[in-house]
PDB file of N, CA and C in Angstrom:
ATOM      1  N   MET A   1      87.734 112.957 118.359  1.00  0.00           N
ATOM      2  CA  MET A   1      88.833 112.180 118.133  1.00  0.00           C
ATOM      3  C   MET A   1      88.649 110.640 118.199  1.00  0.00           C
ATOM      4  N   ALA A   2      87.354 110.125 118.747  1.00  0.00           N
ATOM      5  CA  ALA A   2      87.257 108.886 118.608  1.00  0.00           C
ATOM      6  C   ALA A   2      86.622 108.338 117.527  1.00  0.00           C
ATOM      7  N   ALA A   3      85.695 109.586 116.973  1.00  0.00           N
ATOM      8  CA  ALA A   3      85.355 109.348 115.589  1.00  0.00           C
ATOM      9  C   ALA A   3      86.227 109.126 114.538  1.00  0.00           C
ATOM     10  N   LYS A   4      87.087 110.175 114.593  1.00  0.00           N
ATOM     11  CA  LYS A   4      88.112 109.959 113.784  1.00  0.00           C
ATOM     12  C   LYS A   4      88.736 108.805 113.536  1.00  0.00           C
ATOM     13  N   ARG A   5      89.263 108.232 114.840  1.00  0.00           N
ATOM     14  CA  ARG A   5      90.158 107.036 114.536  1.00  0.00           C
ATOM     15  C   ARG A   5      88.984 105.680 113.921  1.00  0.00           C
ATOM     16  N   GLY A   6      87.812 105.979 114.440  1.00  0.00           N
ATOM     17  CA  GLY A   6      86.798 105.007 113.660  1.00  0.00           C
ATOM     18  C   GLY A   6      86.881 104.947 112.174  1.00  0.00           C
ATOM     19  N   LYS A   7      86.675 106.362 111.720  1.00  0.00           N
ATOM     20  CA  LYS A   7      87.022 106.678 110.564  1.00  0.00           C
ATOM     21  C   LYS A   7      88.331 106.132 109.842  1.00  0.00           C
ATOM     22  N   LEU A   8      89.270 106.158 110.540  1.00  0.00           N
ATOM     23  CA  LEU A   8      90.587 105.944 109.829  1.00  0.00           C
ATOM     24  C   LEU A   8      90.457 104.463 109.965  1.00  0.00           C
ATOM     25  N   ARG A   9      90.178 103.586 110.764  1.00  0.00           N
ATOM     26  CA  ARG A   9      90.138 102.056 110.917  1.00  0.00           C
ATOM     27  C   ARG A   9      89.133 101.576 109.732  1.00  0.00           C
ATOM     28  N   THR A  10      88.268 102.606 109.564  1.00  0.00           N
ATOM     29  CA  THR A  10      86.812 101.719 108.213  1.00  0.00           C
ATOM     30  C   THR A  10      87.888 102.285 106.968  1.00  0.00           C
ATOM     31  N   LEU A  11      88.420 103.247 106.863  1.00  0.00           N
ATOM     32  CA  LEU A  11      89.320 103.463 105.552  1.00  0.00           C
ATOM     33  C   LEU A  11      90.079 102.546 105.198  1.00  0.00           C
ATOM     34  N   VAL A  12      91.313 101.999 106.524  1.00  0.00           N
ATOM     35  CA  VAL A  12      92.157 101.125 106.380  1.00  0.00           C
ATOM     36  C   VAL A  12      91.479 100.034 105.751  1.00  0.00           C
ATOM     37  N   THR A  13      90.512  99.448 106.679  1.00  0.00           N
ATOM     38  CA  THR A  13      89.528  98.492 106.087  1.00  0.00           C
ATOM     39  C   THR A  13      89.481  98.119 104.656  1.00  0.00           C
ATOM     40  N   LEU A  14      88.822  99.337 104.023  1.00  0.00           N
ATOM     41  CA  LEU A  14      88.455  99.559 103.030  1.00  0.00           C
ATOM     42  C   LEU A  14      89.648  99.324 102.067  1.00  0.00           C
ATOM     43  N   VAL A  15      90.796  99.947 102.124  1.00  0.00           N
ATOM     44  CA  VAL A  15      91.880  99.932 101.655  1.00  0.00           C
ATOM     45  C   VAL A  15      92.538  98.563 101.189  1.00  0.00           C
ATOM     46  N   THR A  16      92.244  97.715 102.755  1.00  0.00           N
ATOM     47  CA  THR A  16      93.012  96.306 102.560  1.00  0.00           C
ATOM     48  C   THR A  16      92.107  95.664 101.807  1.00  0.00           C
ATOM     49  N   THR A  17      90.691  95.676 101.776  1.00  0.00           N
ATOM     50  CA  THR A  17      89.556  94.706 100.769  1.00  0.00           C
ATOM     51  C   THR A  17      89.716  94.978  99.688  1.00  0.00           C
ATOM     52  N   VAL A  18      89.449  96.291  98.943  1.00  0.00           N
ATOM     53  CA  VAL A  18      89.384  96.713  97.747  1.00  0.00           C
ATOM     54  C   VAL A  18      90.740  97.072  97.053  1.00  0.00           C
ATOM     55  N   GLY A  19      92.060  97.396  97.862  1.00  0.00           N
ATOM     56  CA  GLY A  19      93.102  97.295  97.315  1.00  0.00           C
ATOM     57  C   GLY A  19      93.529  96.366  96.259  1.00  0.00           C
ATOM     58  N   PRO A  20      93.639  95.101  96.951  1.00  0.00           N
ATOM     59  CA  PRO A  20      93.874  94.023  95.939  1.00  0.00           C
ATOM     60  C   PRO A  20      93.107  93.636  95.108  1.00  0.00           C
ATOM     61  N   ILE A  21      91.915  94.112  94.944  1.00  0.00           N
ATOM     62  CA  ILE A  21      91.330  93.969  93.608  1.00  0.00           C
ATOM     63  C   ILE A  21      91.184  94.855  92.681  1.00  0.00           C
ATOM     64  N   VAL A  22      91.429  95.894  93.213  1.00  0.00           N
ATOM     65  CA  VAL A  22      91.888  97.443  92.437  1.00  0.00           C
ATOM     66  C   VAL A  22      93.148  97.182  91.546  1.00  0.00           C
ATOM     67  N   TYR A  23      93.879  96.385  92.256  1.00  0.00           N
ATOM     68  CA  TYR A  23      95.304  96.311  91.875  1.00  0.00           C
ATOM     69  C   TYR A  23      95.281  95.354  90.732  1.00  0.00           C
ATOM     70  N   LYS A  24      94.614  94.106  91.121  1.00  0.00           N
ATOM     71  CA  LYS A  24      94.413  92.861  90.127  1.00  0.00           C
ATOM     72  C   LYS A  24      94.133  93.581  89.038  1.00  0.00           C
ATOM     73  N   PHE A  25      93.093  94.486  89.127  1.00  0.00           N
ATOM     74  CA  PHE A  25      92.114  94.648  87.713  1.00  0.00           C
ATOM     75  C   PHE A  25      93.643  95.700  87.106  1.00  0.00           C
ATOM     76  N   TYR A  26      93.814  96.309  87.693  1.00  0.00           N
ATOM     77  CA  TYR A  26      94.716  97.674  86.982  1.00  0.00           C
ATOM     78  C   TYR A  26      96.128  96.651  86.210  1.00  0.00           C
ATOM     79  N   LYS A  27      96.421  95.632  86.884  1.00  0.00           N
ATOM     80  CA  LYS A  27      97.549  94.806  86.440  1.00  0.00           C
ATOM     81  C   LYS A  27      97.191  93.975  85.013  1.00  0.00           C
ATOM     82  N   LYS A  28      95.706  93.641  85.186  1.00  0.00           N
ATOM     83  CA  LYS A  28      95.059  93.121  83.774  1.00  0.00           C
ATOM     84  C   LYS A  28      95.167  94.212  82.885  1.00  0.00           C
ATOM     85  N   GLN A  29      94.921  95.122  83.202  1.00  0.00           N
ATOM     86  CA  GLN A  29      94.468  96.450  82.377  1.00  0.00           C
ATOM     87  C   GLN A  29      95.879  96.651  81.437  1.00  0.00           C
ATOM     88  N   GLN A  30      97.008  96.820  82.425  1.00  0.00           N
ATOM     89  CA  GLN A  30      98.619  97.021  82.131  1.00  0.00           C
ATOM     90  C   GLN A  30      98.565  95.884  80.952  1.00  0.00           C
ATOM     91  N   ALA A  31      98.533  94.553  81.277  1.00  0.00           N
ATOM     92  CA  ALA A  31      98.993  93.257  80.529  1.00  0.00           C
ATOM     93  C   ALA A  31      98.065  93.297  79.218  1.00  0.00           C
ATOM     94  N   LYS A  32      97.008  93.900  79.147  1.00  0.00           N
ATOM     95  CA  LYS A  32      96.102  94.156  78.032  1.00  0.00           C
ATOM     96  C   LYS A  32      96.564  95.106  76.992  1.00  0.00           C
ATOM     97  N   LYS A  33      97.131  96.101  77.801  1.00  0.00           N
ATOM     98  CA  LYS A  33      97.898  97.277  76.777  1.00  0.00           C
ATOM     99  C   LYS A  33      98.888  97.213  76.350  1.00  0.00           C
ATOM    100  N   SER A  34      99.914  96.215  76.943  1.00  0.00           N
ATOM    101  CA  SER A  34     101.085  95.784  76.443  1.00  0.00           C
ATOM    102  C   SER A  34     101.057  94.694  75.320  1.00  0.00           C
ATOM    103  N   ILE A  35     100.111  93.912  75.426  1.00  0.00           N
ATOM    104  CA  ILE A  35      99.691  93.099  74.359  1.00  0.00           C
ATOM    105  C   ILE A  35      99.178  93.791  73.078  1.00  0.00           C
ATOM    106  N   ASN A  36      97.858  94.737  73.289  1.00  0.00           N
ATOM    107  CA  ASN A  36      97.562  95.407  72.163  1.00  0.00           C
ATOM    108  C   ASN A  36      98.903  96.552  71.507  1.00  0.00           C
ATOM    109  N   ASN A  37      99.559  97.006  72.259  1.00  0.00           N
ATOM    110  CA  ASN A  37     100.608  97.793  71.743  1.00  0.00           C
ATOM    111  C   ASN A  37     101.925  97.581  72.026  1.00  0.00           C
ATOM    112  N   PRO A  38     102.739  96.631  71.292  1.00  0.00           N
ATOM    113  CA  PRO A  38     103.995  95.812  71.609  1.00  0.00           C
ATOM    114  C   PRO A  38     104.986  96.834  71.188  1.00  0.00           C
ATOM    115  N   LYS A  39     106.324  97.326  72.363  1.00  0.00           N
ATOM    116  CA  LYS A  39     106.996  98.218  71.946  1.00  0.00           C
ATOM    117  C   LYS A  39     108.158  97.859  70.966  1.00  0.00           C
TER     118      LYS A  39
END
């Protein structure tokens, strides 16, 4: 059980660290797409 909790904490840390970076990159890609493909 303790190991599971530790793994969960690691996952949460990973998400909070990598999440914003991935989100920023995704937003940038979306912006690029909308520029290339005007509706």
